[in-house]
Amino acid sequence: MTVAIAFFFIRIAKLLARLKRAVETELAARHATAELNDMSDYMLRDLGITRGDIEQVVRQPCAWTGSDEGTGKRMESSVPGISVSRRSDASVRSAPPRAA
């Protein structure tokens, strides 16, 4: 019986940890959205986004970084302050060739 109670409290602790991460992620996304909305259209254009793209850019789950030669590709969140710890060996699309 005490083992069942211990497992119950462990599950509650894990649930609270997931809830805390979800709240932190939402607050970081809202902060990033507000920060981008405060920028001028010229500054946003320098970043390569438009005012209509702000929500999509902030809410994107993540982007692959690295090169094709690397063995493990690390994922980085597009929201500052959010780290994604998953790794994958999936191939990464290379950037299109630059015009000369």
C-alpha atoms as a PDB file:
ATOM      1  CA  MET A   1       0.000   0.000   0.000  1.00  0.00           C
ATOM      2  CA  THR A   2       2.801   2.470   0.790  1.00  0.00           C
ATOM      3  CA  VAL A   3       4.427   1.708  -2.575  1.00  0.00           C
ATOM      4  CA  ALA A   4       1.193   2.674  -4.332  1.00  0.00           C
ATOM      5  CA  ILE A   5       1.074   5.933  -2.386  1.00  0.00           C
ATOM      6  CA  ALA A   6       4.687   6.668  -3.304  1.00  0.00           C
ATOM      7  CA  PHE A   7       3.972   6.049  -7.019  1.00  0.00           C
ATOM      8  CA  PHE A   8       0.920   8.304  -6.761  1.00  0.00           C
ATOM      9  CA  PHE A   9       3.002  11.167  -5.366  1.00  0.00           C
ATOM     10  CA  ILE A  10       5.669  10.616  -8.022  1.00  0.00           C
ATOM     11  CA  ARG A  11       3.022  10.888 -10.742  1.00  0.00           C
ATOM     12  CA  ILE A  12       1.646  14.060  -9.144  1.00  0.00           C
ATOM     13  CA  ALA A  13       5.168  15.548  -9.051  1.00  0.00           C
ATOM     14  CA  LYS A  14       5.711  14.701 -12.730  1.00  0.00           C
ATOM     15  CA  LEU A  15       2.356  16.248 -13.632  1.00  0.00           C
ATOM     16  CA  LEU A  16       3.238  19.445 -11.778  1.00  0.00           C
ATOM     17  CA  ALA A  17       6.637  19.583 -13.513  1.00  0.00           C
ATOM     18  CA  ARG A  18       4.971  19.240 -16.948  1.00  0.00           C
ATOM     19  CA  LEU A  19       2.470  21.932 -16.012  1.00  0.00           C
ATOM     20  CA  LYS A  20       5.287  24.243 -14.927  1.00  0.00           C
ATOM     21  CA  ARG A  21       7.127  23.696 -18.249  1.00  0.00           C
ATOM     22  CA  ALA A  22       3.932  24.390 -20.213  1.00  0.00           C
ATOM     23  CA  VAL A  23       3.325  27.656 -18.345  1.00  0.00           C
ATOM     24  CA  GLU A  24       6.967  28.739 -18.810  1.00  0.00           C
ATOM     25  CA  THR A  25       6.787  27.953 -22.531  1.00  0.00           C
ATOM     26  CA  GLU A  26       3.567  29.936 -22.953  1.00  0.00           C
ATOM     27  CA  LEU A  27       4.977  32.921 -21.058  1.00  0.00           C
ATOM     28  CA  ALA A  28       8.159  32.867 -23.169  1.00  0.00           C
ATOM     29  CA  ALA A  29       6.093  32.747 -26.374  1.00  0.00           C
ATOM     30  CA  ARG A  30       3.943  35.667 -25.230  1.00  0.00           C
ATOM     31  CA  HIS A  31       7.045  37.666 -24.284  1.00  0.00           C
ATOM     32  CA  ALA A  32       8.644  36.994 -27.682  1.00  0.00           C
ATOM     33  CA  THR A  33       5.413  37.951 -29.479  1.00  0.00           C
ATOM     34  CA  ALA A  34       5.156  41.209 -27.543  1.00  0.00           C
ATOM     35  CA  GLU A  35       8.810  42.007 -28.214  1.00  0.00           C
ATOM     36  CA  LEU A  36       8.414  41.417 -31.965  1.00  0.00           C
ATOM     37  CA  ASN A  37       5.181  43.447 -32.055  1.00  0.00           C
ATOM     38  CA  ASP A  38       7.061  46.394 -30.510  1.00  0.00           C
ATOM     39  CA  MET A  39       9.555  46.399 -33.405  1.00  0.00           C
ATOM     40  CA  SER A  40       9.082  48.607 -36.447  1.00  0.00           C
ATOM     41  CA  ASP A  41       8.262  47.139 -39.846  1.00  0.00           C
ATOM     42  CA  TYR A  42      11.807  47.926 -40.981  1.00  0.00           C
ATOM     43  CA  MET A  43      13.338  45.969 -38.118  1.00  0.00           C
ATOM     44  CA  LEU A  44      11.028  43.024 -38.806  1.00  0.00           C
ATOM     45  CA  ARG A  45      11.978  43.108 -42.481  1.00  0.00           C
ATOM     46  CA  ASP A  46      15.659  42.937 -41.450  1.00  0.00           C
ATOM     47  CA  LEU A  47      14.793  39.741 -39.565  1.00  0.00           C
ATOM     48  CA  GLY A  48      13.047  38.390 -42.652  1.00  0.00           C
ATOM     49  CA  ILE A  49       9.508  38.352 -41.278  1.00  0.00           C
ATOM     50  CA  THR A  50       6.398  40.464 -41.668  1.00  0.00           C
ATOM     51  CA  ARG A  51       4.006  41.582 -38.984  1.00  0.00           C
ATOM     52  CA  GLY A  52       1.556  38.892 -40.075  1.00  0.00           C
ATOM     53  CA  ASP A  53       4.215  36.181 -39.597  1.00  0.00           C
ATOM     54  CA  ILE A  54       5.007  37.005 -35.968  1.00  0.00           C
ATOM     55  CA  GLU A  55       2.632  34.505 -34.362  1.00  0.00           C
ATOM     56  CA  GLN A  56       3.705  31.702 -36.695  1.00  0.00           C
ATOM     57  CA  VAL A  57       7.413  32.397 -36.156  1.00  0.00           C
ATOM     58  CA  VAL A  58       7.028  32.430 -32.380  1.00  0.00           C
ATOM     59  CA  ARG A  59       4.779  29.376 -32.230  1.00  0.00           C
ATOM     60  CA  GLN A  60       6.928  27.238 -34.551  1.00  0.00           C
ATOM     61  CA  PRO A  61       7.949  24.198 -32.536  1.00  0.00           C
ATOM     62  CA  CYS A  62      11.608  24.298 -33.564  1.00  0.00           C
ATOM     63  CA  ALA A  63      14.074  24.430 -36.400  1.00  0.00           C
ATOM     64  CA  TRP A  64      16.895  22.086 -37.280  1.00  0.00           C
ATOM     65  CA  THR A  65      20.402  23.461 -37.002  1.00  0.00           C
ATOM     66  CA  GLY A  66      23.737  22.063 -37.986  1.00  0.00           C
ATOM     67  CA  SER A  67      25.100  20.573 -41.164  1.00  0.00           C
ATOM     68  CA  ASP A  68      24.622  17.357 -43.092  1.00  0.00           C
ATOM     69  CA  GLU A  69      28.085  16.151 -42.057  1.00  0.00           C
ATOM     70  CA  GLY A  70      27.242  16.052 -38.346  1.00  0.00           C
ATOM     71  CA  THR A  71      26.101  12.813 -36.775  1.00  0.00           C
ATOM     72  CA  GLY A  72      23.489  14.233 -34.423  1.00  0.00           C
ATOM     73  CA  LYS A  73      21.328  17.202 -35.289  1.00  0.00           C
ATOM     74  CA  ARG A  74      20.373  19.436 -32.395  1.00  0.00           C
ATOM     75  CA  MET A  75      17.009  21.155 -32.309  1.00  0.00           C
ATOM     76  CA  GLU A  76      16.757  24.756 -31.139  1.00  0.00           C
ATOM     77  CA  SER A  77      13.548  26.517 -30.339  1.00  0.00           C
ATOM     78  CA  SER A  78      12.623  29.668 -32.176  1.00  0.00           C
ATOM     79  CA  VAL A  79      11.505  31.149 -28.839  1.00  0.00           C
ATOM     80  CA  PRO A  80      14.415  32.605 -26.836  1.00  0.00           C
ATOM     81  CA  GLY A  81      15.007  30.896 -23.518  1.00  0.00           C
ATOM     82  CA  ILE A  82      13.384  27.622 -24.533  1.00  0.00           C
ATOM     83  CA  SER A  83      15.634  24.641 -25.065  1.00  0.00           C
ATOM     84  CA  VAL A  84      14.669  21.432 -26.799  1.00  0.00           C
ATOM     85  CA  SER A  85      16.666  18.425 -25.666  1.00  0.00           C
ATOM     86  CA  ARG A  86      15.583  15.883 -28.286  1.00  0.00           C
ATOM     87  CA  ARG A  87      18.146  14.646 -30.781  1.00  0.00           C
ATOM     88  CA  SER A  88      17.582  13.027 -34.118  1.00  0.00           C
ATOM     89  CA  ASP A  89      19.676  11.471 -36.848  1.00  0.00           C
ATOM     90  CA  ALA A  90      17.224  12.570 -39.543  1.00  0.00           C
ATOM     91  CA  SER A  91      18.793  14.279 -42.500  1.00  0.00           C
ATOM     92  CA  VAL A  92      18.728  18.050 -42.697  1.00  0.00           C
ATOM     93  CA  ARG A  93      17.788  19.815 -45.903  1.00  0.00           C
ATOM     94  CA  SER A  94      20.571  21.998 -47.109  1.00  0.00           C
ATOM     95  CA  ALA A  95      20.035  25.634 -47.972  1.00  0.00           C
ATOM     96  CA  PRO A  96      19.324  26.472 -51.617  1.00  0.00           C
ATOM     97  CA  PRO A  97      22.340  27.540 -53.646  1.00  0.00           C
ATOM     98  CA  ARG A  98      23.107  31.246 -53.614  1.00  0.00           C
ATOM     99  CA  ALA A  99      22.807  33.247 -56.792  1.00  0.00           C
ATOM    100  CA  ALA A 100      26.151  34.591 -58.002  1.00  0.00           C
END
